[in-house]
Amino acid sequence: LPLGAVVALLLAAEMVLIVLGGRYAGFGDVPAPPPLPAGY
């Protein structure tokens, strides 16, 4: 359980940093990707 809890906390911290840091499309200052062209 202690090792699993540490790994789970590290994964949760990485996801929080990605979302709050604006590295995900649509969050923060990063714009959403442009629409794909026809036939893509």
PDB file of all heavy atoms in Angstrom:
ATOM      1  N   LEU A   1       0.800  -1.216   0.000  1.00  0.00           N
ATOM      2  CA  LEU A   1       0.000   0.000   0.000  1.00  0.00           C
ATOM      3  C   LEU A   1       0.843   1.280   0.000  1.00  0.00           C
ATOM      4  O   LEU A   1       0.535   2.209  -0.755  1.00  0.00           O
ATOM      5  CB  LEU A   1      -0.956  -0.011   1.191  1.00  0.00           C
ATOM      6  CG  LEU A   1      -1.892   1.198   1.297  1.00  0.00           C
ATOM      7  CD1 LEU A   1      -2.778   1.286   0.068  1.00  0.00           C
ATOM      8  CD2 LEU A   1      -2.731   1.106   2.563  1.00  0.00           C
ATOM      9  N   PRO A   2       1.924   1.404   0.798  1.00  0.00           N
ATOM     10  CA  PRO A   2       2.701   2.660   0.752  1.00  0.00           C
ATOM     11  C   PRO A   2       3.295   2.947  -0.620  1.00  0.00           C
ATOM     12  O   PRO A   2       3.209   4.083  -1.110  1.00  0.00           O
ATOM     13  CB  PRO A   2       3.801   2.429   1.806  1.00  0.00           C
ATOM     14  CG  PRO A   2       3.227   1.407   2.725  1.00  0.00           C
ATOM     15  CD  PRO A   2       2.404   0.513   1.876  1.00  0.00           C
ATOM     16  N   LEU A   3       3.857   1.927  -1.282  1.00  0.00           N
ATOM     17  CA  LEU A   3       4.428   2.139  -2.606  1.00  0.00           C
ATOM     18  C   LEU A   3       3.352   2.513  -3.624  1.00  0.00           C
ATOM     19  O   LEU A   3       3.539   3.437  -4.437  1.00  0.00           O
ATOM     20  CB  LEU A   3       5.163   0.877  -3.074  1.00  0.00           C
ATOM     21  CG  LEU A   3       5.802   0.935  -4.467  1.00  0.00           C
ATOM     22  CD1 LEU A   3       6.832   2.046  -4.545  1.00  0.00           C
ATOM     23  CD2 LEU A   3       6.419  -0.409  -4.818  1.00  0.00           C
ATOM     24  N   GLY A   4       2.214   1.836  -3.563  1.00  0.00           N
ATOM     25  CA  GLY A   4       1.119   2.176  -4.466  1.00  0.00           C
ATOM     26  C   GLY A   4       0.592   3.576  -4.232  1.00  0.00           C
ATOM     27  O   GLY A   4       0.250   4.295  -5.184  1.00  0.00           O
ATOM     28  N   ALA A   5       0.518   3.993  -2.972  1.00  0.00           N
ATOM     29  CA  ALA A   5       0.042   5.347  -2.666  1.00  0.00           C
ATOM     30  C   ALA A   5       0.999   6.407  -3.192  1.00  0.00           C
ATOM     31  O   ALA A   5       0.576   7.443  -3.718  1.00  0.00           O
ATOM     32  CB  ALA A   5      -0.143   5.499  -1.151  1.00  0.00           C
ATOM     33  N   VAL A   6       2.309   6.150  -3.078  1.00  0.00           N
ATOM     34  CA  VAL A   6       3.299   7.102  -3.592  1.00  0.00           C
ATOM     35  C   VAL A   6       3.186   7.240  -5.107  1.00  0.00           C
ATOM     36  O   VAL A   6       3.194   8.349  -5.666  1.00  0.00           O
ATOM     37  CB  VAL A   6       4.715   6.667  -3.179  1.00  0.00           C
ATOM     38  CG1 VAL A   6       5.769   7.514  -3.896  1.00  0.00           C
ATOM     39  CG2 VAL A   6       4.888   6.798  -1.674  1.00  0.00           C
ATOM     40  N   VAL A   7       3.061   6.109  -5.808  1.00  0.00           N
ATOM     41  CA  VAL A   7       2.922   6.150  -7.267  1.00  0.00           C
ATOM     42  C   VAL A   7       1.638   6.866  -7.667  1.00  0.00           C
ATOM     43  O   VAL A   7       1.625   7.679  -8.609  1.00  0.00           O
ATOM     44  CB  VAL A   7       2.964   4.719  -7.836  1.00  0.00           C
ATOM     45  CG1 VAL A   7       2.674   4.731  -9.331  1.00  0.00           C
ATOM     46  CG2 VAL A   7       4.314   4.080  -7.585  1.00  0.00           C
ATOM     47  N   ALA A   8       0.542   6.592  -6.959  1.00  0.00           N
ATOM     48  CA  ALA A   8      -0.733   7.258  -7.268  1.00  0.00           C
ATOM     49  C   ALA A   8      -0.640   8.763  -7.044  1.00  0.00           C
ATOM     50  O   ALA A   8      -1.153   9.558  -7.853  1.00  0.00           O
ATOM     51  CB  ALA A   8      -1.849   6.651  -6.424  1.00  0.00           C
ATOM     52  N   LEU A   9       0.020   9.187  -5.976  1.00  0.00           N
ATOM     53  CA  LEU A   9       0.167  10.619  -5.715  1.00  0.00           C
ATOM     54  C   LEU A   9       1.034  11.294  -6.771  1.00  0.00           C
ATOM     55  O   LEU A   9       0.748  12.423  -7.194  1.00  0.00           O
ATOM     56  CB  LEU A   9       0.765  10.836  -4.319  1.00  0.00           C
ATOM     57  CG  LEU A   9      -0.148  10.505  -3.137  1.00  0.00           C
ATOM     58  CD1 LEU A   9       0.591  10.675  -1.821  1.00  0.00           C
ATOM     59  CD2 LEU A   9      -1.399  11.382  -3.168  1.00  0.00           C
ATOM     60  N   LEU A  10       2.083  10.613  -7.230  1.00  0.00           N
ATOM     61  CA  LEU A  10       2.926  11.183  -8.287  1.00  0.00           C
ATOM     62  C   LEU A  10       2.143  11.352  -9.589  1.00  0.00           C
ATOM     63  O   LEU A  10       2.254  12.386 -10.263  1.00  0.00           O
ATOM     64  CB  LEU A  10       4.150  10.293  -8.514  1.00  0.00           C
ATOM     65  CG  LEU A  10       5.218  10.300  -7.419  1.00  0.00           C
ATOM     66  CD1 LEU A  10       6.327   9.312  -7.741  1.00  0.00           C
ATOM     67  CD2 LEU A  10       5.798  11.703  -7.239  1.00  0.00           C
ATOM     68  N   LEU A  11       1.342  10.346  -9.944  1.00  0.00           N
ATOM     69  CA  LEU A  11       0.536  10.454 -11.155  1.00  0.00           C
ATOM     70  C   LEU A  11      -0.495  11.571 -11.039  1.00  0.00           C
ATOM     71  O   LEU A  11      -0.715  12.336 -11.985  1.00  0.00           O
ATOM     72  CB  LEU A  11      -0.158   9.116 -11.438  1.00  0.00           C
ATOM     73  CG  LEU A  11       0.748   7.952 -11.854  1.00  0.00           C
ATOM     74  CD1 LEU A  11      -0.072   6.668 -12.000  1.00  0.00           C
ATOM     75  CD2 LEU A  11       1.454   8.261 -13.165  1.00  0.00           C
ATOM     76  N   ALA A  12      -1.134  11.670  -9.875  1.00  0.00           N
ATOM     77  CA  ALA A  12      -2.111  12.737  -9.671  1.00  0.00           C
ATOM     78  C   ALA A  12      -1.448  14.115  -9.733  1.00  0.00           C
ATOM     79  O   ALA A  12      -1.999  15.062 -10.317  1.00  0.00           O
ATOM     80  CB  ALA A  12      -2.825  12.549  -8.340  1.00  0.00           C
ATOM     81  N   ALA A  13      -0.250  14.247  -9.150  1.00  0.00           N
ATOM     82  CA  ALA A  13       0.461  15.535  -9.192  1.00  0.00           C
ATOM     83  C   ALA A  13       0.851  15.901 -10.623  1.00  0.00           C
ATOM     84  O   ALA A  13       0.755  17.070 -11.021  1.00  0.00           O
ATOM     85  CB  ALA A  13       1.708  15.461  -8.304  1.00  0.00           C
ATOM     86  N   GLU A  14       1.266  14.917 -11.422  1.00  0.00           N
ATOM     87  CA  GLU A  14       1.607  15.204 -12.818  1.00  0.00           C
ATOM     88  C   GLU A  14       0.383  15.678 -13.601  1.00  0.00           C
ATOM     89  O   GLU A  14       0.472  16.634 -14.394  1.00  0.00           O
ATOM     90  CB  GLU A  14       2.192  13.961 -13.470  1.00  0.00           C
ATOM     91  CG  GLU A  14       3.582  13.596 -12.955  1.00  0.00           C
ATOM     92  CD  GLU A  14       4.114  12.331 -13.601  1.00  0.00           C
ATOM     93  OE1 GLU A  14       3.388  11.734 -14.423  1.00  0.00           O
ATOM     94  OE2 GLU A  14       5.255  11.938 -13.300  1.00  0.00           O
ATOM     95  N   MET A  15      -0.764  15.031 -13.394  1.00  0.00           N
ATOM     96  CA  MET A  15      -1.974  15.452 -14.106  1.00  0.00           C
ATOM     97  C   MET A  15      -2.401  16.848 -13.688  1.00  0.00           C
ATOM     98  O   MET A  15      -2.827  17.662 -14.515  1.00  0.00           O
ATOM     99  CB  MET A  15      -3.095  14.438 -13.861  1.00  0.00           C
ATOM    100  CG  MET A  15      -2.876  13.106 -14.555  1.00  0.00           C
ATOM    101  SD  MET A  15      -4.300  11.991 -14.445  1.00  0.00           S
ATOM    102  CE  MET A  15      -4.237  11.560 -12.709  1.00  0.00           C
ATOM    103  N   VAL A  16      -2.284  17.160 -12.397  1.00  0.00           N
ATOM    104  CA  VAL A  16      -2.660  18.499 -11.928  1.00  0.00           C
ATOM    105  C   VAL A  16      -1.727  19.551 -12.519  1.00  0.00           C
ATOM    106  O   VAL A  16      -2.164  20.629 -12.961  1.00  0.00           O
ATOM    107  CB  VAL A  16      -2.644  18.541 -10.391  1.00  0.00           C
ATOM    108  CG1 VAL A  16      -2.782  19.979  -9.893  1.00  0.00           C
ATOM    109  CG2 VAL A  16      -3.769  17.686  -9.832  1.00  0.00           C
ATOM    110  N   LEU A  17      -0.432  19.270 -12.577  1.00  0.00           N
ATOM    111  CA  LEU A  17       0.518  20.225 -13.155  1.00  0.00           C
ATOM    112  C   LEU A  17       0.259  20.449 -14.636  1.00  0.00           C
ATOM    113  O   LEU A  17       0.384  21.565 -15.145  1.00  0.00           O
ATOM    114  CB  LEU A  17       1.948  19.722 -12.939  1.00  0.00           C
ATOM    115  CG  LEU A  17       2.461  19.751 -11.496  1.00  0.00           C
ATOM    116  CD1 LEU A  17       3.856  19.138 -11.413  1.00  0.00           C
ATOM    117  CD2 LEU A  17       2.474  21.183 -10.960  1.00  0.00           C
ATOM    118  N   ILE A  18      -0.107  19.382 -15.346  1.00  0.00           N
ATOM    119  CA  ILE A  18      -0.380  19.534 -16.783  1.00  0.00           C
ATOM    120  C   ILE A  18      -1.618  20.385 -17.013  1.00  0.00           C
ATOM    121  O   ILE A  18      -1.630  21.284 -17.866  1.00  0.00           O
ATOM    122  CB  ILE A  18      -0.529  18.145 -17.439  1.00  0.00           C
ATOM    123  CG1 ILE A  18       0.823  17.431 -17.473  1.00  0.00           C
ATOM    124  CG2 ILE A  18      -1.084  18.271 -18.856  1.00  0.00           C
ATOM    125  CD1 ILE A  18       0.751  16.008 -17.979  1.00  0.00           C
ATOM    126  N   VAL A  19      -2.675  20.105 -16.250  1.00  0.00           N
ATOM    127  CA  VAL A  19      -3.931  20.846 -16.452  1.00  0.00           C
ATOM    128  C   VAL A  19      -3.787  22.297 -16.000  1.00  0.00           C
ATOM    129  O   VAL A  19      -4.148  23.230 -16.730  1.00  0.00           O
ATOM    130  CB  VAL A  19      -5.081  20.147 -15.701  1.00  0.00           C
ATOM    131  CG1 VAL A  19      -6.347  20.998 -15.758  1.00  0.00           C
ATOM    132  CG2 VAL A  19      -5.345  18.776 -16.305  1.00  0.00           C
ATOM    133  N   LEU A  20      -3.250  22.521 -14.798  1.00  0.00           N
ATOM    134  CA  LEU A  20      -3.124  23.884 -14.288  1.00  0.00           C
ATOM    135  C   LEU A  20      -2.022  24.663 -14.978  1.00  0.00           C
ATOM    136  O   LEU A  20      -2.066  25.888 -15.010  1.00  0.00           O
ATOM    137  CB  LEU A  20      -2.871  23.845 -12.774  1.00  0.00           C
ATOM    138  CG  LEU A  20      -3.990  23.234 -11.925  1.00  0.00           C
ATOM    139  CD1 LEU A  20      -3.628  23.305 -10.454  1.00  0.00           C
ATOM    140  CD2 LEU A  20      -5.318  23.932 -12.189  1.00  0.00           C
ATOM    141  N   GLY A  21      -1.030  23.947 -15.529  1.00  0.00           N
ATOM    142  CA  GLY A  21       0.055  24.644 -16.215  1.00  0.00           C
ATOM    143  C   GLY A  21      -0.284  25.075 -17.625  1.00  0.00           C
ATOM    144  O   GLY A  21       0.529  25.706 -18.296  1.00  0.00           O
ATOM    145  N   GLY A  22      -1.469  24.743 -18.112  1.00  0.00           N
ATOM    146  CA  GLY A  22      -1.864  25.185 -19.432  1.00  0.00           C
ATOM    147  C   GLY A  22      -1.231  24.411 -20.555  1.00  0.00           C
ATOM    148  O   GLY A  22      -1.126  24.909 -21.678  1.00  0.00           O
ATOM    149  N   ARG A  23      -0.803  23.166 -20.302  1.00  0.00           N
ATOM    150  CA  ARG A  23      -0.178  22.373 -21.345  1.00  0.00           C
ATOM    151  C   ARG A  23      -1.184  21.490 -22.070  1.00  0.00           C
ATOM    152  O   ARG A  23      -0.817  20.731 -22.947  1.00  0.00           O
ATOM    153  CB  ARG A  23       0.935  21.496 -20.757  1.00  0.00           C
ATOM    154  CG  ARG A  23       2.095  22.303 -20.227  1.00  0.00           C
ATOM    155  CD  ARG A  23       3.214  21.378 -19.765  1.00  0.00           C
ATOM    156  NE  ARG A  23       4.370  22.126 -19.315  1.00  0.00           N
ATOM    157  CZ  ARG A  23       4.550  22.566 -18.083  1.00  0.00           C
ATOM    158  NH1 ARG A  23       3.630  22.311 -17.179  1.00  0.00           N
ATOM    159  NH2 ARG A  23       5.623  23.246 -17.753  1.00  0.00           N
ATOM    160  N   TYR A  24      -2.407  21.530 -21.671  1.00  0.00           N
ATOM    161  CA  TYR A  24      -3.440  20.735 -22.330  1.00  0.00           C
ATOM    162  C   TYR A  24      -4.264  21.625 -23.242  1.00  0.00           C
ATOM    163  O   TYR A  24      -4.535  22.787 -22.920  1.00  0.00           O
ATOM    164  CB  TYR A  24      -4.344  20.061 -21.286  1.00  0.00           C
ATOM    165  CG  TYR A  24      -5.335  19.099 -21.864  1.00  0.00           C
ATOM    166  CD1 TYR A  24      -4.940  17.850 -22.319  1.00  0.00           C
ATOM    167  CD2 TYR A  24      -6.671  19.460 -21.990  1.00  0.00           C
ATOM    168  CE1 TYR A  24      -5.854  16.954 -22.855  1.00  0.00           C
ATOM    169  CE2 TYR A  24      -7.586  18.569 -22.525  1.00  0.00           C
ATOM    170  CZ  TYR A  24      -7.167  17.330 -22.956  1.00  0.00           C
ATOM    171  OH  TYR A  24      -8.078  16.465 -23.495  1.00  0.00           O
ATOM    172  N   ALA A  25      -4.637  21.091 -24.380  1.00  0.00           N
ATOM    173  CA  ALA A  25      -5.365  21.885 -25.365  1.00  0.00           C
ATOM    174  C   ALA A  25      -6.705  22.353 -24.792  1.00  0.00           C
ATOM    175  O   ALA A  25      -7.488  21.551 -24.301  1.00  0.00           O
ATOM    176  CB  ALA A  25      -5.605  21.064 -26.628  1.00  0.00           C
ATOM    177  N   GLY A  26      -6.934  23.643 -24.861  1.00  0.00           N
ATOM    178  CA  GLY A  26      -8.180  24.195 -24.345  1.00  0.00           C
ATOM    179  C   GLY A  26      -8.068  24.723 -22.936  1.00  0.00           C
ATOM    180  O   GLY A  26      -8.991  25.368 -22.458  1.00  0.00           O
ATOM    181  N   PHE A  27      -6.951  24.490 -22.229  1.00  0.00           N
ATOM    182  CA  PHE A  27      -6.755  24.965 -20.868  1.00  0.00           C
ATOM    183  C   PHE A  27      -5.644  26.006 -20.867  1.00  0.00           C
ATOM    184  O   PHE A  27      -4.653  25.889 -21.599  1.00  0.00           O
ATOM    185  CB  PHE A  27      -6.382  23.824 -19.922  1.00  0.00           C
ATOM    186  CG  PHE A  27      -7.510  22.860 -19.668  1.00  0.00           C
ATOM    187  CD1 PHE A  27      -7.699  21.777 -20.497  1.00  0.00           C
ATOM    188  CD2 PHE A  27      -8.389  23.060 -18.625  1.00  0.00           C
ATOM    189  CE1 PHE A  27      -8.734  20.893 -20.275  1.00  0.00           C
ATOM    190  CE2 PHE A  27      -9.429  22.185 -18.383  1.00  0.00           C
ATOM    191  CZ  PHE A  27      -9.605  21.097 -19.224  1.00  0.00           C
ATOM    192  N   GLY A  28      -5.778  27.006 -20.044  1.00  0.00           N
ATOM    193  CA  GLY A  28      -4.726  27.997 -19.903  1.00  0.00           C
ATOM    194  C   GLY A  28      -4.568  28.829 -21.165  1.00  0.00           C
ATOM    195  O   GLY A  28      -5.532  29.250 -21.817  1.00  0.00           O
ATOM    196  N   ASP A  29      -3.305  29.108 -21.504  1.00  0.00           N
ATOM    197  CA  ASP A  29      -2.991  29.953 -22.658  1.00  0.00           C
ATOM    198  C   ASP A  29      -2.819  29.165 -23.942  1.00  0.00           C
ATOM    199  O   ASP A  29      -2.559  29.757 -24.991  1.00  0.00           O
ATOM    200  CB  ASP A  29      -1.699  30.738 -22.382  1.00  0.00           C
ATOM    201  CG  ASP A  29      -1.848  31.647 -21.171  1.00  0.00           C
ATOM    202  OD1 ASP A  29      -2.995  32.079 -20.913  1.00  0.00           O
ATOM    203  OD2 ASP A  29      -0.846  31.899 -20.482  1.00  0.00           O
ATOM    204  N   VAL A  30      -2.903  27.840 -23.884  1.00  0.00           N
ATOM    205  CA  VAL A  30      -2.705  27.025 -25.076  1.00  0.00           C
ATOM    206  C   VAL A  30      -4.020  26.931 -25.826  1.00  0.00           C
ATOM    207  O   VAL A  30      -5.025  26.461 -25.276  1.00  0.00           O
ATOM    208  CB  VAL A  30      -2.198  25.614 -24.708  1.00  0.00           C
ATOM    209  CG1 VAL A  30      -2.033  24.765 -25.966  1.00  0.00           C
ATOM    210  CG2 VAL A  30      -0.883  25.724 -23.957  1.00  0.00           C
ATOM    211  N   PRO A  31      -4.074  27.375 -27.069  1.00  0.00           N
ATOM    212  CA  PRO A  31      -5.347  27.313 -27.817  1.00  0.00           C
ATOM    213  C   PRO A  31      -5.657  25.892 -28.246  1.00  0.00           C
ATOM    214  O   PRO A  31      -4.783  25.031 -28.321  1.00  0.00           O
ATOM    215  CB  PRO A  31      -5.068  28.212 -29.032  1.00  0.00           C
ATOM    216  CG  PRO A  31      -3.587  28.121 -29.228  1.00  0.00           C
ATOM    217  CD  PRO A  31      -2.992  27.978 -27.838  1.00  0.00           C
ATOM    218  N   ALA A  32      -6.921  25.670 -28.514  1.00  0.00           N
ATOM    219  CA  ALA A  32      -7.340  24.367 -29.012  1.00  0.00           C
ATOM    220  C   ALA A  32      -6.793  24.148 -30.414  1.00  0.00           C
ATOM    221  O   ALA A  32      -6.573  25.108 -31.161  1.00  0.00           O
ATOM    222  CB  ALA A  32      -8.859  24.268 -29.006  1.00  0.00           C
ATOM    223  N   PRO A  33      -6.544  22.894 -30.803  1.00  0.00           N
ATOM    224  CA  PRO A  33      -6.007  22.643 -32.145  1.00  0.00           C
ATOM    225  C   PRO A  33      -7.006  23.047 -33.219  1.00  0.00           C
ATOM    226  O   PRO A  33      -8.224  22.995 -33.013  1.00  0.00           O
ATOM    227  CB  PRO A  33      -5.773  21.124 -32.143  1.00  0.00           C
ATOM    228  CG  PRO A  33      -6.685  20.595 -31.104  1.00  0.00           C
ATOM    229  CD  PRO A  33      -6.753  21.648 -30.049  1.00  0.00           C
ATOM    230  N   PRO A  34      -6.519  23.459 -34.383  1.00  0.00           N
ATOM    231  CA  PRO A  34      -7.431  23.875 -35.457  1.00  0.00           C
ATOM    232  C   PRO A  34      -8.213  22.682 -35.992  1.00  0.00           C
ATOM    233  O   PRO A  34      -7.781  21.532 -35.846  1.00  0.00           O
ATOM    234  CB  PRO A  34      -6.476  24.447 -36.516  1.00  0.00           C
ATOM    235  CG  PRO A  34      -5.172  23.751 -36.252  1.00  0.00           C
ATOM    236  CD  PRO A  34      -5.120  23.566 -34.767  1.00  0.00           C
ATOM    237  N   PRO A  35      -9.342  22.915 -36.596  1.00  0.00           N
ATOM    238  CA  PRO A  35     -10.116  21.801 -37.169  1.00  0.00           C
ATOM    239  C   PRO A  35      -9.360  21.115 -38.292  1.00  0.00           C
ATOM    240  O   PRO A  35      -8.615  21.752 -39.042  1.00  0.00           O
ATOM    241  CB  PRO A  35     -11.397  22.479 -37.675  1.00  0.00           C
ATOM    242  CG  PRO A  35     -11.025  23.929 -37.853  1.00  0.00           C
ATOM    243  CD  PRO A  35     -10.006  24.208 -36.780  1.00  0.00           C
ATOM    244  N   LEU A  36      -9.549  19.828 -38.399  1.00  0.00           N
ATOM    245  CA  LEU A  36      -8.840  19.045 -39.403  1.00  0.00           C
ATOM    246  C   LEU A  36      -9.454  19.266 -40.775  1.00  0.00           C
ATOM    247  O   LEU A  36     -10.663  19.484 -40.910  1.00  0.00           O
ATOM    248  CB  LEU A  36      -8.904  17.561 -39.028  1.00  0.00           C
ATOM    249  CG  LEU A  36      -8.272  17.201 -37.679  1.00  0.00           C
ATOM    250  CD1 LEU A  36      -8.488  15.729 -37.375  1.00  0.00           C
ATOM    251  CD2 LEU A  36      -6.782  17.533 -37.680  1.00  0.00           C
ATOM    252  N   PRO A  37      -8.627  19.196 -41.808  1.00  0.00           N
ATOM    253  CA  PRO A  37      -9.165  19.403 -43.162  1.00  0.00           C
ATOM    254  C   PRO A  37     -10.037  18.233 -43.592  1.00  0.00           C
ATOM    255  O   PRO A  37      -9.993  17.146 -43.009  1.00  0.00           O
ATOM    256  CB  PRO A  37      -7.900  19.511 -44.026  1.00  0.00           C
ATOM    257  CG  PRO A  37      -6.860  18.765 -43.256  1.00  0.00           C
ATOM    258  CD  PRO A  37      -7.179  19.010 -41.809  1.00  0.00           C
ATOM    259  N   ALA A  38     -10.809  18.464 -44.639  1.00  0.00           N
ATOM    260  CA  ALA A  38     -11.684  17.419 -45.167  1.00  0.00           C
ATOM    261  C   ALA A  38     -10.850  16.299 -45.778  1.00  0.00           C
ATOM    262  O   ALA A  38      -9.838  16.541 -46.439  1.00  0.00           O
ATOM    263  CB  ALA A  38     -12.628  18.006 -46.220  1.00  0.00           C
ATOM    264  N   GLY A  39     -11.279  15.063 -45.536  1.00  0.00           N
ATOM    265  CA  GLY A  39     -10.550  13.909 -46.047  1.00  0.00           C
ATOM    266  C   GLY A  39      -9.363  13.495 -45.216  1.00  0.00           C
ATOM    267  O   GLY A  39      -8.588  12.627 -45.636  1.00  0.00           O
ATOM    268  N   TYR A  40      -9.193  14.091 -44.021  1.00  0.00           N
ATOM    269  CA  TYR A  40      -8.073  13.737 -43.163  1.00  0.00           C
ATOM    270  C   TYR A  40      -8.320  12.366 -42.532  1.00  0.00           C
ATOM    271  O   TYR A  40      -9.424  12.065 -42.085  1.00  0.00           O
ATOM    272  CB  TYR A  40      -7.878  14.791 -42.084  1.00  0.00           C
ATOM    273  CG  TYR A  40      -6.791  14.466 -41.085  1.00  0.00           C
ATOM    274  CD1 TYR A  40      -5.463  14.724 -41.363  1.00  0.00           C
ATOM    275  CD2 TYR A  40      -7.108  13.885 -39.860  1.00  0.00           C
ATOM    276  CE1 TYR A  40      -4.466  14.439 -40.460  1.00  0.00           C
ATOM    277  CE2 TYR A  40      -6.122  13.586 -38.947  1.00  0.00           C
ATOM    278  CZ  TYR A  40      -4.812  13.864 -39.250  1.00  0.00           C
ATOM    279  OH  TYR A  40      -3.831  13.562 -38.342  1.00  0.00           O
TER     280      TYR A  40
END
